[in-house]
Amino acid sequence: MSDLLARLREQGWRLTAQRRVVAEVLDGEHVHLTADEVHARAVHLLPEISRATVYNTLGELVSLGEVLEVSTDGRAKRYDPNAHHAHQHLICSSCGTIRDVHPSGDPLAALPPAERFGFAVSGAEITYRGLCPECRTP
């Protein structure tokens, strides 16, 4: 059973066959799929699942706080099931591949008090950009 499925059960979210398939497709450590990619994989598990059902289910998962919606550089939104595990993202500037990274240290410590402008800072989202090994290869 995936961590996402377990969290959804704990919340009492009704797991229909369609919802279960979407959650199963999203299971994994470095999963950052677009809605269309989720649908394409879900169809292999449940051929009758509709694109609208996938989009609606993803929207519900984001609203529940169980999946993160990641937007990058005008590309299609991607969905990250690691909503409860502190992490940052490493994004390939060429192909858009996204990987979860877990840098050591407190990212809030990097922001000096003088640069907080009186904000009560509660979180930080850091995105690292570069070229993945496939895009660096000529």
C-alpha atoms as a PDB file:
ATOM      1  CA  MET A   1       0.000   0.000   0.000  1.00  0.00           C
ATOM      2  CA  SER A   2       1.365   3.412  -0.921  1.00  0.00           C
ATOM      3  CA  ASP A   3       1.906   6.245   1.527  1.00  0.00           C
ATOM      4  CA  LEU A   4      -0.631   8.326  -0.433  1.00  0.00           C
ATOM      5  CA  LEU A   5      -3.292   5.615  -0.231  1.00  0.00           C
ATOM      6  CA  ALA A   6      -2.695   5.233   3.508  1.00  0.00           C
ATOM      7  CA  ARG A   7      -3.024   8.988   4.056  1.00  0.00           C
ATOM      8  CA  LEU A   8      -6.252   9.085   2.040  1.00  0.00           C
ATOM      9  CA  ARG A   9      -7.709   6.220   4.056  1.00  0.00           C
ATOM     10  CA  GLU A  10      -6.784   8.013   7.299  1.00  0.00           C
ATOM     11  CA  GLN A  11      -8.701  11.062   6.071  1.00  0.00           C
ATOM     12  CA  GLY A  12     -11.715   8.887   5.323  1.00  0.00           C
ATOM     13  CA  TRP A  13     -11.616   9.806   1.630  1.00  0.00           C
ATOM     14  CA  ARG A  14     -13.877   7.466  -0.311  1.00  0.00           C
ATOM     15  CA  LEU A  15     -11.579   5.390  -2.516  1.00  0.00           C
ATOM     16  CA  THR A  16     -13.546   4.564  -5.638  1.00  0.00           C
ATOM     17  CA  ALA A  17     -11.816   2.456  -8.278  1.00  0.00           C
ATOM     18  CA  GLN A  18     -10.991   5.630 -10.243  1.00  0.00           C
ATOM     19  CA  ARG A  19      -9.556   7.461  -7.231  1.00  0.00           C
ATOM     20  CA  ARG A  20      -7.509   4.437  -6.212  1.00  0.00           C
ATOM     21  CA  VAL A  21      -5.996   4.152  -9.703  1.00  0.00           C
ATOM     22  CA  VAL A  22      -5.018   7.853  -9.734  1.00  0.00           C
ATOM     23  CA  ALA A  23      -3.408   7.457  -6.292  1.00  0.00           C
ATOM     24  CA  GLU A  24      -1.558   4.317  -7.430  1.00  0.00           C
ATOM     25  CA  VAL A  25      -0.236   6.105 -10.526  1.00  0.00           C
ATOM     26  CA  LEU A  26       1.089   8.928  -8.342  1.00  0.00           C
ATOM     27  CA  ASP A  27       2.879   6.574  -5.939  1.00  0.00           C
ATOM     28  CA  GLY A  28       6.660   6.864  -5.937  1.00  0.00           C
ATOM     29  CA  GLU A  29       9.630   8.851  -4.717  1.00  0.00           C
ATOM     30  CA  HIS A  30      10.313  11.102  -7.715  1.00  0.00           C
ATOM     31  CA  VAL A  31       6.879  11.219  -9.328  1.00  0.00           C
ATOM     32  CA  HIS A  32       6.016  14.545 -10.974  1.00  0.00           C
ATOM     33  CA  LEU A  33       3.519  13.687 -13.683  1.00  0.00           C
ATOM     34  CA  THR A  34       1.296  16.008 -15.700  1.00  0.00           C
ATOM     35  CA  ALA A  35      -2.459  15.378 -15.634  1.00  0.00           C
ATOM     36  CA  ASP A  36      -2.233  13.906 -19.133  1.00  0.00           C
ATOM     37  CA  GLU A  37       0.558  11.546 -18.034  1.00  0.00           C
ATOM     38  CA  VAL A  38      -1.511  10.474 -15.027  1.00  0.00           C
ATOM     39  CA  HIS A  39      -4.441   9.793 -17.356  1.00  0.00           C
ATOM     40  CA  ALA A  40      -2.328   7.814 -19.828  1.00  0.00           C
ATOM     41  CA  ARG A  41      -0.989   5.573 -17.048  1.00  0.00           C
ATOM     42  CA  ALA A  42      -4.383   5.269 -15.359  1.00  0.00           C
ATOM     43  CA  VAL A  43      -5.983   4.052 -18.610  1.00  0.00           C
ATOM     44  CA  HIS A  44      -3.599   1.077 -18.574  1.00  0.00           C
ATOM     45  CA  LEU A  45      -4.925   0.109 -15.132  1.00  0.00           C
ATOM     46  CA  LEU A  46      -8.564   1.074 -15.647  1.00  0.00           C
ATOM     47  CA  PRO A  47      -9.412   1.494 -19.358  1.00  0.00           C
ATOM     48  CA  GLU A  48     -12.741   3.241 -18.741  1.00  0.00           C
ATOM     49  CA  ILE A  49     -11.309   6.089 -16.615  1.00  0.00           C
ATOM     50  CA  SER A  50     -12.013   9.462 -18.205  1.00  0.00           C
ATOM     51  CA  ARG A  51      -9.702  12.434 -18.531  1.00  0.00           C
ATOM     52  CA  ALA A  52     -12.258  14.553 -16.609  1.00  0.00           C
ATOM     53  CA  THR A  53     -12.221  12.091 -13.703  1.00  0.00           C
ATOM     54  CA  VAL A  54      -8.430  12.248 -13.548  1.00  0.00           C
ATOM     55  CA  TYR A  55      -8.435  16.069 -13.597  1.00  0.00           C
ATOM     56  CA  ASN A  56     -11.176  16.223 -10.941  1.00  0.00           C
ATOM     57  CA  THR A  57      -9.402  13.691  -8.733  1.00  0.00           C
ATOM     58  CA  LEU A  58      -6.098  15.575  -8.998  1.00  0.00           C
ATOM     59  CA  GLY A  59      -7.916  18.787  -8.048  1.00  0.00           C
ATOM     60  CA  GLU A  60      -9.433  17.071  -5.010  1.00  0.00           C
ATOM     61  CA  LEU A  61      -6.050  15.660  -3.948  1.00  0.00           C
ATOM     62  CA  VAL A  62      -4.493  19.123  -4.175  1.00  0.00           C
ATOM     63  CA  SER A  63      -7.398  20.643  -2.179  1.00  0.00           C
ATOM     64  CA  LEU A  64      -6.950  17.971   0.491  1.00  0.00           C
ATOM     65  CA  GLY A  65      -3.248  18.872   0.728  1.00  0.00           C
ATOM     66  CA  GLU A  66      -2.242  15.321  -0.183  1.00  0.00           C
ATOM     67  CA  VAL A  67      -0.643  16.195  -3.522  1.00  0.00           C
ATOM     68  CA  LEU A  68       1.355  19.288  -4.454  1.00  0.00           C
ATOM     69  CA  GLU A  69       0.758  21.097  -7.733  1.00  0.00           C
ATOM     70  CA  VAL A  70       4.124  22.127  -9.179  1.00  0.00           C
ATOM     71  CA  SER A  71       4.214  24.839 -11.853  1.00  0.00           C
ATOM     72  CA  THR A  72       7.447  25.549 -13.686  1.00  0.00           C
ATOM     73  CA  ASP A  73       8.386  27.949 -16.446  1.00  0.00           C
ATOM     74  CA  GLY A  74       5.018  27.979 -18.227  1.00  0.00           C
ATOM     75  CA  ARG A  75       5.021  24.209 -18.675  1.00  0.00           C
ATOM     76  CA  ALA A  76       2.092  21.949 -17.783  1.00  0.00           C
ATOM     77  CA  LYS A  77       1.436  21.619 -14.066  1.00  0.00           C
ATOM     78  CA  ARG A  78       2.884  18.525 -12.469  1.00  0.00           C
ATOM     79  CA  TYR A  79       1.602  16.632  -9.449  1.00  0.00           C
ATOM     80  CA  ASP A  80       3.854  15.615  -6.557  1.00  0.00           C
ATOM     81  CA  PRO A  81       2.576  13.069  -3.998  1.00  0.00           C
ATOM     82  CA  ASN A  82       5.316  13.917  -1.491  1.00  0.00           C
ATOM     83  CA  ALA A  83       3.209  16.642   0.118  1.00  0.00           C
ATOM     84  CA  HIS A  84       4.122  15.607   3.661  1.00  0.00           C
ATOM     85  CA  HIS A  85       7.860  15.146   3.186  1.00  0.00           C
ATOM     86  CA  ALA A  86       9.932  18.334   3.305  1.00  0.00           C
ATOM     87  CA  HIS A  87      11.858  18.643   0.069  1.00  0.00           C
ATOM     88  CA  GLN A  88      12.852  21.003  -2.725  1.00  0.00           C
ATOM     89  CA  HIS A  89      12.888  20.501  -6.485  1.00  0.00           C
ATOM     90  CA  LEU A  90      15.666  20.173  -9.052  1.00  0.00           C
ATOM     91  CA  ILE A  91      14.362  20.994 -12.537  1.00  0.00           C
ATOM     92  CA  CYS A  92      15.999  20.461 -15.914  1.00  0.00           C
ATOM     93  CA  SER A  93      15.801  23.749 -17.807  1.00  0.00           C
ATOM     94  CA  SER A  94      15.715  21.895 -21.118  1.00  0.00           C
ATOM     95  CA  CYS A  95      13.326  18.929 -20.828  1.00  0.00           C
ATOM     96  CA  GLY A  96      11.493  19.841 -17.616  1.00  0.00           C
ATOM     97  CA  THR A  97      12.383  16.697 -15.654  1.00  0.00           C
ATOM     98  CA  ILE A  98      11.789  17.250 -11.931  1.00  0.00           C
ATOM     99  CA  ARG A  99      13.566  15.450  -9.097  1.00  0.00           C
ATOM    100  CA  ASP A 100      12.996  15.759  -5.359  1.00  0.00           C
ATOM    101  CA  VAL A 101      16.065  16.860  -3.403  1.00  0.00           C
ATOM    102  CA  HIS A 102      16.624  17.064   0.335  1.00  0.00           C
ATOM    103  CA  PRO A 103      19.343  19.620   1.068  1.00  0.00           C
ATOM    104  CA  SER A 104      20.632  19.711   4.613  1.00  0.00           C
ATOM    105  CA  GLY A 105      20.056  22.713   6.813  1.00  0.00           C
ATOM    106  CA  ASP A 106      17.164  25.064   7.373  1.00  0.00           C
ATOM    107  CA  PRO A 107      16.321  27.081   4.230  1.00  0.00           C
ATOM    108  CA  LEU A 108      14.810  29.799   6.432  1.00  0.00           C
ATOM    109  CA  ALA A 109      18.212  30.330   8.047  1.00  0.00           C
ATOM    110  CA  ALA A 110      19.518  31.533   4.665  1.00  0.00           C
ATOM    111  CA  LEU A 111      17.186  34.545   4.824  1.00  0.00           C
ATOM    112  CA  PRO A 112      18.701  37.131   7.184  1.00  0.00           C
ATOM    113  CA  PRO A 113      16.254  38.897   9.522  1.00  0.00           C
ATOM    114  CA  ALA A 114      16.904  42.218   7.738  1.00  0.00           C
ATOM    115  CA  GLU A 115      15.654  40.671   4.476  1.00  0.00           C
ATOM    116  CA  ARG A 116      12.366  39.451   5.990  1.00  0.00           C
ATOM    117  CA  PHE A 117      10.817  42.944   5.957  1.00  0.00           C
ATOM    118  CA  GLY A 118       8.798  42.193   9.068  1.00  0.00           C
ATOM    119  CA  PHE A 119       7.256  39.013   7.637  1.00  0.00           C
ATOM    120  CA  ALA A 120       6.647  36.088   9.985  1.00  0.00           C
ATOM    121  CA  VAL A 121       8.192  33.614   7.542  1.00  0.00           C
ATOM    122  CA  SER A 122       6.679  30.139   7.841  1.00  0.00           C
ATOM    123  CA  GLY A 123       8.169  28.307   4.874  1.00  0.00           C
ATOM    124  CA  ALA A 124      10.481  28.391   1.896  1.00  0.00           C
ATOM    125  CA  GLU A 125      10.240  26.896  -1.583  1.00  0.00           C
ATOM    126  CA  ILE A 126      13.567  26.590  -3.317  1.00  0.00           C
ATOM    127  CA  THR A 127      13.917  25.438  -6.907  1.00  0.00           C
ATOM    128  CA  TYR A 128      17.279  24.369  -8.268  1.00  0.00           C
ATOM    129  CA  ARG A 129      17.661  24.563 -12.053  1.00  0.00           C
ATOM    130  CA  GLY A 130      20.160  23.035 -14.414  1.00  0.00           C
ATOM    131  CA  LEU A 131      20.524  20.402 -17.112  1.00  0.00           C
ATOM    132  CA  CYS A 132      19.839  16.731 -16.442  1.00  0.00           C
ATOM    133  CA  PRO A 133      22.415  14.138 -17.601  1.00  0.00           C
ATOM    134  CA  GLU A 134      20.383  13.309 -20.736  1.00  0.00           C
ATOM    135  CA  CYS A 135      20.205  16.969 -21.836  1.00  0.00           C
ATOM    136  CA  ARG A 136      23.892  17.595 -21.093  1.00  0.00           C
ATOM    137  CA  THR A 137      24.957  14.765 -23.393  1.00  0.00           C
ATOM    138  CA  PRO A 138      25.669  16.012 -26.944  1.00  0.00           C
END
